């Protein structure tokens, strides 16, 4: 009984934190991949992904890259989500930065003042 209750309470807590953080910090989902490899994308030690199978989300100073990974189980491929969290460099403004995931597994950050890579 205890085990079944704790995920529910955690879920409620995370929902509350989520709504607060949206108000408190800038949040943007970036889907412009014009500066990156359009055919396949890699997250370092993971396999490659099609462009439409991943997203980059910036929330405050955290940049989260999420991708769908195909895992072979038994006789079929099962898709599951994998993600990496990176910290934005101090000189990058979260309100104006754009980001995309590049084929070598790095995240390219672009803002009016600076262009640099944050490597996974």
Protein backbone atom coordinates (compact mmCIF):
# COMPACT_ATOMS: atom_id res chain seq x y z
CA UNK A 1 0.00 0.00 0.00
CA UNK A 2 2.83 2.39 0.88
CA UNK A 3 4.53 1.76 -2.46
CA UNK A 4 1.36 2.52 -4.44
CA UNK A 5 0.81 5.79 -2.54
CA UNK A 6 4.30 7.29 -2.93
CA UNK A 7 4.33 7.60 -6.76
CA UNK A 8 0.99 9.45 -6.60
CA UNK A 9 2.27 11.97 -4.05
CA UNK A 10 5.49 12.42 -6.05
CA UNK A 11 3.43 13.00 -9.19
CA UNK A 12 1.36 15.70 -7.50
CA UNK A 13 4.47 17.38 -6.10
CA UNK A 14 6.22 17.43 -9.46
CA UNK A 15 3.10 18.86 -11.14
CA UNK A 16 3.08 21.71 -8.63
CA UNK A 17 6.79 22.37 -9.10
CA UNK A 18 6.30 22.29 -12.85
CA UNK A 19 3.64 25.00 -12.90
CA UNK A 20 5.66 27.20 -10.53
CA UNK A 21 8.85 26.83 -12.55
CA UNK A 22 7.07 27.82 -15.76
CA UNK A 23 6.05 31.11 -14.14
CA UNK A 24 9.44 31.73 -12.52
CA UNK A 25 11.80 30.85 -15.37
CA UNK A 26 11.84 31.32 -19.14
CA UNK A 27 10.98 28.13 -20.96
CA UNK A 28 11.22 27.47 -24.67
CA UNK A 29 11.02 24.42 -26.87
CA UNK A 30 13.40 24.67 -29.81
CA UNK A 31 12.61 22.80 -33.00
CA UNK A 32 14.72 24.75 -35.49
CA UNK A 33 17.36 22.29 -36.67
CA UNK A 34 18.68 24.39 -39.57
CA UNK A 35 22.27 24.40 -38.28
CA UNK A 36 22.39 20.68 -37.59
CA UNK A 37 22.47 17.36 -39.35
CA UNK A 38 18.97 16.84 -40.76
CA UNK A 39 19.31 13.13 -41.43
CA UNK A 40 20.26 11.59 -38.15
CA UNK A 41 21.19 12.81 -34.72
CA UNK A 42 23.24 11.14 -32.01
CA UNK A 43 23.49 11.50 -28.27
CA UNK A 44 27.10 10.36 -27.63
CA UNK A 45 26.76 6.74 -26.47
CA UNK A 46 23.26 6.28 -27.90
CA UNK A 47 22.25 5.27 -31.40
CA UNK A 48 21.12 7.79 -33.98
CA UNK A 49 17.71 9.38 -34.15
CA UNK A 50 15.59 10.88 -36.86
CA UNK A 51 15.14 14.64 -36.59
CA UNK A 52 11.50 14.44 -35.53
CA UNK A 53 12.32 12.05 -32.67
CA UNK A 54 13.98 14.53 -30.34
CA UNK A 55 13.44 17.88 -28.72
CA UNK A 56 15.49 20.48 -26.88
CA UNK A 57 13.85 22.31 -23.98
CA UNK A 58 15.39 25.27 -22.15
CA UNK A 59 14.08 25.97 -18.66
CA UNK A 60 16.02 28.52 -16.65
CA UNK A 61 19.70 27.55 -16.85
CA UNK A 62 18.90 23.92 -17.64
CA UNK A 63 18.84 22.62 -21.19
CA UNK A 64 17.23 19.20 -21.58
CA UNK A 65 17.69 17.08 -24.70
CA UNK A 66 15.16 14.27 -25.07
CA UNK A 67 15.22 11.62 -27.79
CA UNK A 68 13.33 8.47 -28.65
CA UNK A 69 15.58 5.40 -28.64
CA UNK A 70 14.69 2.12 -30.34
CA UNK A 71 15.61 -0.89 -28.22
CA UNK A 72 15.45 -4.40 -29.65
CA UNK A 73 13.49 -6.69 -27.33
CA UNK A 74 12.69 -10.24 -28.34
CA UNK A 75 11.26 -10.02 -31.84
CA UNK A 76 10.43 -6.33 -32.05
CA UNK A 77 11.83 -2.85 -31.52
CA UNK A 78 10.55 -0.95 -28.49
CA UNK A 79 10.81 2.83 -28.42
CA UNK A 80 11.78 4.52 -25.19
CA UNK A 81 12.74 8.04 -24.26
CA UNK A 82 16.23 9.02 -23.12
CA UNK A 83 17.33 12.46 -22.01
CA UNK A 84 20.34 14.51 -20.96
CA UNK A 85 20.36 17.69 -18.91
CA UNK A 86 22.99 20.35 -19.59
CA UNK A 87 23.65 23.62 -17.80
CA UNK A 88 23.65 26.77 -19.91
CA UNK A 89 26.91 28.77 -19.80
CA UNK A 90 26.66 31.89 -17.63
CA UNK A 91 27.04 34.31 -20.56
CA UNK A 92 24.08 32.81 -22.44
CA UNK A 93 20.73 34.52 -21.91
CA UNK A 94 18.02 31.84 -21.55
CA UNK A 95 15.44 34.27 -22.96
CA UNK A 96 17.20 34.69 -26.31
CA UNK A 97 19.17 31.47 -26.75
CA UNK A 98 18.33 28.92 -29.41
CA UNK A 99 19.68 25.40 -29.33
CA UNK A 100 19.88 22.37 -31.54
CA UNK A 101 21.26 18.87 -31.18
CA UNK A 102 24.12 18.12 -33.54
CA UNK A 103 25.20 14.83 -35.06
CA UNK A 104 28.28 14.49 -32.86
CA UNK A 105 26.13 14.47 -29.72
CA UNK A 106 26.81 18.06 -28.77
CA UNK A 107 24.25 20.80 -28.30
CA UNK A 108 24.85 23.96 -30.30
CA UNK A 109 23.81 27.08 -28.40
CA UNK A 110 23.22 30.33 -30.23
CA UNK A 111 22.36 33.73 -28.82
CA UNK A 112 22.95 37.27 -30.14
CA UNK A 113 26.18 37.52 -28.13
CA UNK A 114 27.73 34.08 -28.34
CA UNK A 115 27.75 30.79 -30.20
CA UNK A 116 29.23 27.86 -28.36
CA UNK A 117 28.75 24.16 -27.80
CA UNK A 118 27.68 22.42 -24.63
CA UNK A 119 28.78 18.83 -24.94
CA UNK A 120 26.70 16.02 -23.43
